[in-house]
Amino acid sequence: MFKPEIRILGFDDAPFKRTDKKVDVIGVIYRGGSFLDVVLKTEVSVDGLDATERLIKLINNSRHKPQLKVLMFDGITLGGFNIIDVKQLYRKVNLPIIVINRKHPNLESVKYALKNNFADFGKRWKMILNAGKIKICELRDSKKVYYQAVGLEDEDAEEVIRLSSTHGDIPEPLRVAHLIATAIVKGESSGRA
C-alpha cells in the first residue's frame, strides 16, 4: 500500500523534427496524482543512444532523489529511437520504473524499423526486450493502459498507476510532463501524452 502522495518522477520528450540533433526531455515530480512539486530538464540526441546515461545523471544529481519512490516513462524511447535501457537505469538509480503506453506497442513494427534504420540494431533491440513483458492495467470507466515494470511487482505497479491517474487516461506525472514539454517547444501545450 502506497501513500496517496507518493513522489513519482515522470518523463516525456518535447516535440522535435527528424533534422534536430537534440530534443528536450522534461521530468516532473508529482505527489501521487495530486500536485506538481518539481520540474527537471535534460536533453538527449535524436535517435541517439544517450538517453539512459543522461537520465542517470539527471536523477542521481537531483537534490530531490531521496524522496522519489518511482520513475515513470511515456514509452521506452525518447527523441525518436533513443531507447531507455530500463534495467541499466534501475541498477544505476535504484528506483523502480514503470513504462506506460496508451496502446499495446507493436513490437514487430519496432523491430522492423530498428533493423532497417540502425546498424546497431542488436543493441537497441536488446534494450527493447529488457523492458519486460507488456501488461494491462484497468483504470476507471473501463479505460486501460499498457505497462512494463522493473523493480515492482505487478500489483504494486498497478496501484501506483491507478493512484496517479486522477485527471486523465494516463498518470499525472506523464500528462503534466507532456504539457510542459510541448509548451516549451510550441509556445503552448497541445496534444495527448
C-alpha atoms as a PDB file:
ATOM      1  CA  MET A   1       0.000   0.000   0.000  1.00  0.00           C
ATOM      2  CA  PHE A   2       1.457   3.312  -1.112  1.00  0.00           C
ATOM      3  CA  LYS A   3       0.811   6.702   0.443  1.00  0.00           C
ATOM      4  CA  PRO A   4      -1.539   8.864  -1.672  1.00  0.00           C
ATOM      5  CA  GLU A   5       1.233  11.444  -2.099  1.00  0.00           C
ATOM      6  CA  ILE A   6       3.947   9.025  -3.234  1.00  0.00           C
ATOM      7  CA  ARG A   7       6.576  11.006  -5.138  1.00  0.00           C
ATOM      8  CA  ILE A   8       6.724   9.889  -8.764  1.00  0.00           C
ATOM      9  CA  LEU A   9       9.158  11.294 -11.320  1.00  0.00           C
ATOM     10  CA  GLY A  10       7.546  11.139 -14.771  1.00  0.00           C
ATOM     11  CA  PHE A  11       9.284  11.925 -18.069  1.00  0.00           C
ATOM     12  CA  ASP A  12       8.247  12.876 -21.585  1.00  0.00           C
ATOM     13  CA  ASP A  13      10.153  14.304 -24.512  1.00  0.00           C
ATOM     14  CA  ALA A  14       9.311  17.525 -26.328  1.00  0.00           C
ATOM     15  CA  PRO A  15       8.170  17.602 -29.950  1.00  0.00           C
ATOM     16  CA  PHE A  16      11.071  17.531 -32.416  1.00  0.00           C
ATOM     17  CA  LYS A  17      11.901  17.249 -36.098  1.00  0.00           C
ATOM     18  CA  ARG A  18      13.973  14.404 -37.506  1.00  0.00           C
ATOM     19  CA  THR A  19      16.510  17.021 -38.599  1.00  0.00           C
ATOM     20  CA  ASP A  20      17.016  18.167 -34.977  1.00  0.00           C
ATOM     21  CA  LYS A  21      20.162  16.942 -33.258  1.00  0.00           C
ATOM     22  CA  LYS A  22      18.798  17.190 -29.698  1.00  0.00           C
ATOM     23  CA  VAL A  23      15.400  17.065 -28.006  1.00  0.00           C
ATOM     24  CA  ASP A  24      14.404  18.386 -24.585  1.00  0.00           C
ATOM     25  CA  VAL A  25      13.213  15.858 -22.016  1.00  0.00           C
ATOM     26  CA  ILE A  26      11.058  17.099 -19.152  1.00  0.00           C
ATOM     27  CA  GLY A  27      10.708  15.337 -15.826  1.00  0.00           C
ATOM     28  CA  VAL A  28       8.103  16.259 -13.252  1.00  0.00           C
ATOM     29  CA  ILE A  29       7.966  15.117  -9.673  1.00  0.00           C
ATOM     30  CA  TYR A  30       4.357  14.649  -8.761  1.00  0.00           C
ATOM     31  CA  ARG A  31       2.838  13.739  -5.432  1.00  0.00           C
ATOM     32  CA  GLY A  32       0.640  10.816  -6.419  1.00  0.00           C
ATOM     33  CA  GLY A  33      -1.988  12.265  -8.705  1.00  0.00           C
ATOM     34  CA  SER A  34      -2.455  15.359  -6.578  1.00  0.00           C
ATOM     35  CA  PHE A  35       0.036  18.084  -7.342  1.00  0.00           C
ATOM     36  CA  LEU A  36       3.258  19.049  -9.020  1.00  0.00           C
ATOM     37  CA  ASP A  37       6.348  19.510  -6.844  1.00  0.00           C
ATOM     38  CA  VAL A  38       9.357  19.928  -9.150  1.00  0.00           C
ATOM     39  CA  VAL A  39      10.248  20.211 -12.850  1.00  0.00           C
ATOM     40  CA  LEU A  40      13.534  18.822 -14.198  1.00  0.00           C
ATOM     41  CA  LYS A  41      15.023  19.145 -17.684  1.00  0.00           C
ATOM     42  CA  THR A  42      17.696  17.431 -19.737  1.00  0.00           C
ATOM     43  CA  GLU A  43      18.217  16.757 -23.416  1.00  0.00           C
ATOM     44  CA  VAL A  44      19.027  13.689 -25.453  1.00  0.00           C
ATOM     45  CA  SER A  45      20.212  13.098 -29.006  1.00  0.00           C
ATOM     46  CA  VAL A  46      17.532  12.415 -31.618  1.00  0.00           C
ATOM     47  CA  ASP A  47      17.810   8.690 -32.476  1.00  0.00           C
ATOM     48  CA  GLY A  48      20.967   8.509 -30.332  1.00  0.00           C
ATOM     49  CA  LEU A  49      21.971   6.159 -27.546  1.00  0.00           C
ATOM     50  CA  ASP A  50      22.487   8.630 -24.701  1.00  0.00           C
ATOM     51  CA  ALA A  51      19.026   8.620 -23.046  1.00  0.00           C
ATOM     52  CA  THR A  52      19.889   6.133 -20.304  1.00  0.00           C
ATOM     53  CA  GLU A  53      23.112   7.895 -19.298  1.00  0.00           C
ATOM     54  CA  ARG A  54      21.522  11.366 -19.429  1.00  0.00           C
ATOM     55  CA  LEU A  55      18.664  10.188 -17.188  1.00  0.00           C
ATOM     56  CA  ILE A  56      21.031   8.502 -14.726  1.00  0.00           C
ATOM     57  CA  LYS A  57      22.996  11.733 -14.383  1.00  0.00           C
ATOM     58  CA  LEU A  58      19.881  13.911 -14.021  1.00  0.00           C
ATOM     59  CA  ILE A  59      18.236  11.670 -11.408  1.00  0.00           C
ATOM     60  CA  ASN A  60      21.327  10.896  -9.344  1.00  0.00           C
ATOM     61  CA  ASN A  61      22.323  14.582  -9.228  1.00  0.00           C
ATOM     62  CA  SER A  62      18.877  15.804  -8.197  1.00  0.00           C
ATOM     63  CA  ARG A  63      18.559  17.005  -4.626  1.00  0.00           C
ATOM     64  CA  HIS A  64      15.034  15.528  -4.714  1.00  0.00           C
ATOM     65  CA  LYS A  65      16.152  11.945  -5.328  1.00  0.00           C
ATOM     66  CA  PRO A  66      15.890  10.863  -1.646  1.00  0.00           C
ATOM     67  CA  GLN A  67      12.104  11.473  -1.725  1.00  0.00           C
ATOM     68  CA  LEU A  68      11.472   9.642  -5.011  1.00  0.00           C
ATOM     69  CA  LYS A  69       9.749   6.260  -4.962  1.00  0.00           C
ATOM     70  CA  VAL A  70       9.054   5.503  -8.656  1.00  0.00           C
ATOM     71  CA  LEU A  71      10.158   6.617 -12.131  1.00  0.00           C
ATOM     72  CA  MET A  72       7.604   6.706 -14.961  1.00  0.00           C
ATOM     73  CA  PHE A  73       8.041   6.998 -18.705  1.00  0.00           C
ATOM     74  CA  ASP A  74       5.654   7.625 -21.579  1.00  0.00           C
ATOM     75  CA  GLY A  75       7.013   4.792 -23.698  1.00  0.00           C
ATOM     76  CA  ILE A  76      10.511   3.365 -23.730  1.00  0.00           C
ATOM     77  CA  THR A  77      12.017   5.798 -26.242  1.00  0.00           C
ATOM     78  CA  LEU A  78      12.896   9.475 -26.202  1.00  0.00           C
ATOM     79  CA  GLY A  79      13.784  11.572 -29.223  1.00  0.00           C
ATOM     80  CA  GLY A  80      12.705   9.017 -31.791  1.00  0.00           C
ATOM     81  CA  PHE A  81      14.604   5.770 -31.198  1.00  0.00           C
ATOM     82  CA  ASN A  82      16.833   6.851 -28.307  1.00  0.00           C
ATOM     83  CA  ILE A  83      15.873   3.822 -26.249  1.00  0.00           C
ATOM     84  CA  ILE A  84      15.968   3.808 -22.453  1.00  0.00           C
ATOM     85  CA  ASP A  85      17.654   0.691 -21.076  1.00  0.00           C
ATOM     86  CA  VAL A  86      15.320   0.366 -18.096  1.00  0.00           C
ATOM     87  CA  LYS A  87      17.304  -2.436 -16.460  1.00  0.00           C
ATOM     88  CA  GLN A  88      20.508  -0.402 -16.529  1.00  0.00           C
ATOM     89  CA  LEU A  89      18.640   2.701 -15.347  1.00  0.00           C
ATOM     90  CA  TYR A  90      17.102   0.709 -12.480  1.00  0.00           C
ATOM     91  CA  ARG A  91      20.526  -0.599 -11.410  1.00  0.00           C
ATOM     92  CA  LYS A  92      22.182   2.835 -11.546  1.00  0.00           C
ATOM     93  CA  VAL A  93      19.475   4.913  -9.810  1.00  0.00           C
ATOM     94  CA  ASN A  94      17.983   2.198  -7.593  1.00  0.00           C
ATOM     95  CA  LEU A  95      14.373   3.263  -8.193  1.00  0.00           C
ATOM     96  CA  PRO A  96      11.539   1.147  -9.609  1.00  0.00           C
ATOM     97  CA  ILE A  97      10.418   2.023 -13.146  1.00  0.00           C
ATOM     98  CA  ILE A  98       7.030   1.928 -14.862  1.00  0.00           C
ATOM     99  CA  VAL A  99       6.768   2.419 -18.624  1.00  0.00           C
ATOM    100  CA  ILE A 100       3.271   3.427 -19.805  1.00  0.00           C
ATOM    101  CA  ASN A 101       1.691   3.152 -23.263  1.00  0.00           C
ATOM    102  CA  ARG A 102      -1.869   4.084 -24.232  1.00  0.00           C
ATOM    103  CA  LYS A 103      -1.890   1.366 -26.894  1.00  0.00           C
ATOM    104  CA  HIS A 104      -0.208  -2.014 -26.981  1.00  0.00           C
ATOM    105  CA  PRO A 105       3.187  -1.409 -28.633  1.00  0.00           C
ATOM    106  CA  ASN A 106       3.590  -3.193 -31.971  1.00  0.00           C
ATOM    107  CA  LEU A 107       6.955  -4.807 -31.311  1.00  0.00           C
ATOM    108  CA  GLU A 108       7.180  -6.290 -34.794  1.00  0.00           C
ATOM    109  CA  SER A 109       6.910  -2.814 -36.329  1.00  0.00           C
ATOM    110  CA  VAL A 110       9.517  -1.507 -33.895  1.00  0.00           C
ATOM    111  CA  LYS A 111      11.843  -4.408 -34.711  1.00  0.00           C
ATOM    112  CA  TYR A 112      11.398  -3.786 -38.447  1.00  0.00           C
ATOM    113  CA  ALA A 113      12.124  -0.055 -38.087  1.00  0.00           C
ATOM    114  CA  LEU A 114      15.211  -0.682 -35.973  1.00  0.00           C
ATOM    115  CA  LYS A 115      16.531  -3.394 -38.298  1.00  0.00           C
ATOM    116  CA  ASN A 116      16.131  -1.208 -41.377  1.00  0.00           C
ATOM    117  CA  ASN A 117      17.471   2.048 -39.929  1.00  0.00           C
ATOM    118  CA  PHE A 118      20.205   1.278 -37.417  1.00  0.00           C
ATOM    119  CA  ALA A 119      23.493  -0.587 -37.821  1.00  0.00           C
ATOM    120  CA  ASP A 120      23.412  -1.267 -34.060  1.00  0.00           C
ATOM    121  CA  PHE A 121      20.010  -2.979 -34.311  1.00  0.00           C
ATOM    122  CA  GLY A 122      21.011  -5.809 -31.941  1.00  0.00           C
ATOM    123  CA  LYS A 123      21.967  -3.468 -29.111  1.00  0.00           C
ATOM    124  CA  ARG A 124      18.780  -1.400 -29.493  1.00  0.00           C
ATOM    125  CA  TRP A 125      16.524  -4.457 -29.753  1.00  0.00           C
ATOM    126  CA  LYS A 126      18.049  -5.880 -26.560  1.00  0.00           C
ATOM    127  CA  MET A 127      17.125  -2.641 -24.753  1.00  0.00           C
ATOM    128  CA  ILE A 128      13.535  -3.001 -26.006  1.00  0.00           C
ATOM    129  CA  LEU A 129      13.398  -6.576 -24.688  1.00  0.00           C
ATOM    130  CA  ASN A 130      14.961  -5.504 -21.361  1.00  0.00           C
ATOM    131  CA  ALA A 131      11.769  -3.617 -20.531  1.00  0.00           C
ATOM    132  CA  GLY A 132       9.995  -6.924 -19.976  1.00  0.00           C
ATOM    133  CA  LYS A 133       6.532  -8.217 -20.630  1.00  0.00           C
ATOM    134  CA  ILE A 134       3.778  -5.767 -21.577  1.00  0.00           C
ATOM    135  CA  LYS A 135       0.796  -5.935 -19.225  1.00  0.00           C
ATOM    136  CA  ILE A 136      -2.616  -4.247 -18.947  1.00  0.00           C
ATOM    137  CA  CYS A 137      -3.773  -2.036 -16.076  1.00  0.00           C
ATOM    138  CA  GLU A 138      -7.508  -1.401 -15.874  1.00  0.00           C
ATOM    139  CA  LEU A 139      -8.396   2.150 -14.879  1.00  0.00           C
ATOM    140  CA  ARG A 140     -11.798   3.663 -14.083  1.00  0.00           C
ATOM    141  CA  ASP A 141     -14.638   3.821 -16.634  1.00  0.00           C
ATOM    142  CA  SER A 142     -13.275   0.732 -18.472  1.00  0.00           C
ATOM    143  CA  LYS A 143     -10.192   2.680 -19.595  1.00  0.00           C
ATOM    144  CA  LYS A 144      -6.866   0.894 -19.619  1.00  0.00           C
ATOM    145  CA  VAL A 145      -3.169   1.462 -20.188  1.00  0.00           C
ATOM    146  CA  TYR A 146      -0.377  -0.911 -21.046  1.00  0.00           C
ATOM    147  CA  TYR A 147       2.690  -1.004 -18.858  1.00  0.00           C
ATOM    148  CA  GLN A 148       6.028  -2.612 -18.184  1.00  0.00           C
ATOM    149  CA  ALA A 149       7.580  -2.568 -14.733  1.00  0.00           C
ATOM    150  CA  VAL A 150      11.089  -3.098 -13.416  1.00  0.00           C
ATOM    151  CA  GLY A 151      11.693  -3.336  -9.664  1.00  0.00           C
ATOM    152  CA  LEU A 152       7.978  -3.527  -8.760  1.00  0.00           C
ATOM    153  CA  GLU A 153       5.522  -6.382  -8.510  1.00  0.00           C
ATOM    154  CA  ASP A 154       2.582  -6.068 -10.917  1.00  0.00           C
ATOM    155  CA  GLU A 155       0.059  -5.333  -8.176  1.00  0.00           C
ATOM    156  CA  ASP A 156       2.261  -2.538  -6.814  1.00  0.00           C
ATOM    157  CA  ALA A 157       2.851  -1.069 -10.289  1.00  0.00           C
ATOM    158  CA  GLU A 158      -0.897  -1.102 -10.967  1.00  0.00           C
ATOM    159  CA  GLU A 159      -1.599   0.554  -7.621  1.00  0.00           C
ATOM    160  CA  VAL A 160       0.829   3.381  -8.476  1.00  0.00           C
ATOM    161  CA  ILE A 161      -0.693   3.766 -11.956  1.00  0.00           C
ATOM    162  CA  ARG A 162      -4.251   3.972 -10.591  1.00  0.00           C
ATOM    163  CA  LEU A 163      -3.247   6.259  -7.710  1.00  0.00           C
ATOM    164  CA  SER A 164      -1.620   8.732 -10.094  1.00  0.00           C
ATOM    165  CA  SER A 165      -4.236   8.606 -12.901  1.00  0.00           C
ATOM    166  CA  THR A 166      -6.546  11.215 -11.399  1.00  0.00           C
ATOM    167  CA  HIS A 167      -7.352  13.703 -14.177  1.00  0.00           C
ATOM    168  CA  GLY A 168      -6.881  11.806 -17.404  1.00  0.00           C
ATOM    169  CA  ASP A 169      -6.314   8.464 -19.043  1.00  0.00           C
ATOM    170  CA  ILE A 170      -2.652   8.323 -18.052  1.00  0.00           C
ATOM    171  CA  PRO A 171      -0.797   9.082 -14.816  1.00  0.00           C
ATOM    172  CA  GLU A 172      -0.494  12.764 -13.938  1.00  0.00           C
ATOM    173  CA  PRO A 173       3.325  12.832 -13.927  1.00  0.00           C
ATOM    174  CA  LEU A 174       3.293  11.844 -17.613  1.00  0.00           C
ATOM    175  CA  ARG A 175       0.355  14.057 -18.586  1.00  0.00           C
ATOM    176  CA  VAL A 176       1.928  17.128 -16.993  1.00  0.00           C
ATOM    177  CA  ALA A 177       5.446  16.380 -18.324  1.00  0.00           C
ATOM    178  CA  HIS A 178       3.896  16.206 -21.798  1.00  0.00           C
ATOM    179  CA  LEU A 179       2.079  19.532 -21.348  1.00  0.00           C
ATOM    180  CA  ILE A 180       5.251  21.289 -20.206  1.00  0.00           C
ATOM    181  CA  ALA A 181       7.463  19.714 -22.885  1.00  0.00           C
ATOM    182  CA  THR A 182       5.015  20.694 -25.630  1.00  0.00           C
ATOM    183  CA  ALA A 183       4.687  24.263 -24.350  1.00  0.00           C
ATOM    184  CA  ILE A 184       8.470  24.734 -24.260  1.00  0.00           C
ATOM    185  CA  VAL A 185       8.701  23.992 -27.994  1.00  0.00           C
ATOM    186  CA  LYS A 186       5.381  25.220 -29.369  1.00  0.00           C
ATOM    187  CA  GLY A 187       4.604  28.088 -27.027  1.00  0.00           C
ATOM    188  CA  GLU A 188       1.519  26.364 -25.648  1.00  0.00           C
ATOM    189  CA  SER A 189       0.647  22.819 -24.726  1.00  0.00           C
ATOM    190  CA  SER A 190      -1.275  20.625 -27.097  1.00  0.00           C
ATOM    191  CA  GLY A 191      -1.980  17.021 -27.920  1.00  0.00           C
ATOM    192  CA  ARG A 192      -2.299  13.965 -25.779  1.00  0.00           C
ATOM    193  CA  ALA A 193       0.560  12.454 -23.851  1.00  0.00           C
END
